[in-house]
């Protein structure tokens, strides 16, 4: 079947696929956070900057807008938590680095017999 409906259905299917892929990535990022895997968390933080929205799909179909809005809210919450975890991890590394280079106290003995 060709015509306006078939192109609308194809566009809807493409958008649904994109949303499904993005939902999976958000859940993967959430699992990394829950597993407290610092390296994966940092990698997700770097990936956030790489994403670009699809441009060849046309406008988002009306019936997928609510799903996309929920996904956006979920993404924002996970992104906020990623930033918080990355910042916390950086602070911990900074404290550990300062402690590693701090001179250690030397034991001093006083001979009171003198």
Protein backbone atom coordinates (compact mmCIF):
# COMPACT_ATOMS: atom_id res chain seq x y z
CA UNK A 1 0.00 0.00 0.00
CA UNK A 2 1.36 3.39 -0.94
CA UNK A 3 0.13 6.86 -0.23
CA UNK A 4 0.10 9.26 2.70
CA UNK A 5 -0.76 6.61 5.30
CA UNK A 6 2.17 4.35 4.45
CA UNK A 7 4.68 7.19 4.84
CA UNK A 8 3.06 8.18 8.17
CA UNK A 9 3.28 4.57 9.37
CA UNK A 10 6.93 4.33 8.28
CA UNK A 11 7.77 7.60 10.07
CA UNK A 12 5.95 6.41 13.20
CA UNK A 13 7.83 3.09 13.12
CA UNK A 14 11.19 4.88 12.72
CA UNK A 15 10.43 7.24 15.60
CA UNK A 16 9.25 4.34 17.78
CA UNK A 17 12.56 2.58 17.05
CA UNK A 18 14.57 5.67 17.97
CA UNK A 19 12.62 6.10 21.22
CA UNK A 20 13.07 2.42 22.08
CA UNK A 21 16.82 2.65 21.53
CA UNK A 22 17.06 5.78 23.67
CA UNK A 23 14.97 4.19 26.43
CA UNK A 24 17.36 1.23 26.44
CA UNK A 25 20.36 3.53 26.76
CA UNK A 26 18.80 5.39 29.70
CA UNK A 27 18.13 2.07 31.44
CA UNK A 28 21.73 0.96 30.77
CA UNK A 29 23.03 4.23 32.26
CA UNK A 30 20.78 3.73 35.28
CA UNK A 31 22.14 0.20 35.78
CA UNK A 32 25.69 1.61 35.76
CA UNK A 33 24.71 4.11 38.44
CA UNK A 34 22.97 1.48 40.57
CA UNK A 35 25.98 -0.81 40.21
CA UNK A 36 28.21 2.06 41.33
CA UNK A 37 30.60 1.34 38.45
CA UNK A 38 32.69 4.52 38.35
CA UNK A 39 34.33 3.88 34.97
CA UNK A 40 30.99 3.17 33.28
CA UNK A 41 29.43 6.22 34.94
CA UNK A 42 32.23 8.43 33.61
CA UNK A 43 31.83 6.89 30.14
CA UNK A 44 28.09 7.67 30.17
CA UNK A 45 28.92 11.24 31.17
CA UNK A 46 31.16 11.58 28.13
CA UNK A 47 28.53 10.04 25.85
CA UNK A 48 25.89 12.58 26.89
CA UNK A 49 27.80 15.22 24.95
CA UNK A 50 27.92 13.09 21.76
CA UNK A 51 24.20 12.59 21.17
CA UNK A 52 22.51 14.51 18.39
CA UNK A 53 18.80 14.24 17.67
CA UNK A 54 17.76 12.57 14.41
CA UNK A 55 16.99 15.06 11.68
CA UNK A 56 15.81 12.86 8.80
CA UNK A 57 12.71 11.45 10.50
CA UNK A 58 10.46 14.44 10.20
CA UNK A 59 8.23 15.65 13.03
CA UNK A 60 7.50 13.39 15.97
CA UNK A 61 4.07 11.73 15.50
CA UNK A 62 1.41 13.05 17.86
CA UNK A 63 0.72 9.64 19.42
CA UNK A 64 4.40 9.30 20.45
CA UNK A 65 4.71 12.72 22.08
CA UNK A 66 3.70 11.59 25.57
CA UNK A 67 6.17 8.69 25.42
CA UNK A 68 8.91 11.07 24.23
CA UNK A 69 8.08 13.53 27.04
CA UNK A 70 8.34 10.75 29.67
CA UNK A 71 11.63 9.63 28.12
CA UNK A 72 12.97 13.18 28.26
CA UNK A 73 12.11 13.47 31.96
CA UNK A 74 13.77 10.11 32.63
CA UNK A 75 16.86 11.18 30.65
CA UNK A 76 17.12 14.43 32.58
CA UNK A 77 16.85 12.65 35.94
CA UNK A 78 19.50 10.09 34.98
CA UNK A 79 21.77 12.79 33.53
CA UNK A 80 21.50 14.77 36.77
CA UNK A 81 22.41 11.68 38.77
CA UNK A 82 25.34 10.95 36.43
CA UNK A 83 26.69 14.47 36.93
CA UNK A 84 26.28 14.12 40.70
CA UNK A 85 28.12 10.78 40.75
CA UNK A 86 30.92 12.05 38.49
CA UNK A 87 31.36 15.15 40.66
CA UNK A 88 31.35 13.04 43.83
CA UNK A 89 33.92 10.67 42.34
CA UNK A 90 36.14 13.59 41.31
CA UNK A 91 35.98 15.04 44.83
CA UNK A 92 36.96 11.67 46.29
CA UNK A 93 39.93 11.43 43.91
CA UNK A 94 41.02 14.97 44.83
CA UNK A 95 40.89 14.19 48.57
CA UNK A 96 42.77 10.94 48.06
CA UNK A 97 45.43 12.72 45.99
CA UNK A 98 45.90 15.42 48.66
CA UNK A 99 46.18 12.78 51.38
CA UNK A 100 48.72 10.77 49.37
CA UNK A 101 51.08 13.74 49.09
CA UNK A 102 50.67 15.06 52.62
CA UNK A 103 53.80 14.49 54.73
CA UNK A 104 53.24 11.81 57.28
CA UNK A 105 53.95 12.60 60.95
CA UNK A 106 57.20 11.18 62.26
CA UNK A 107 57.21 9.59 65.68
CA UNK A 108 59.32 11.53 68.18
CA UNK A 109 60.60 9.99 71.37
CA UNK A 110 61.67 12.05 74.30
CA UNK A 111 64.15 10.49 76.69
CA UNK A 112 62.99 11.71 80.10
CA UNK A 113 65.87 9.96 81.82
CA UNK A 114 68.26 12.71 80.84
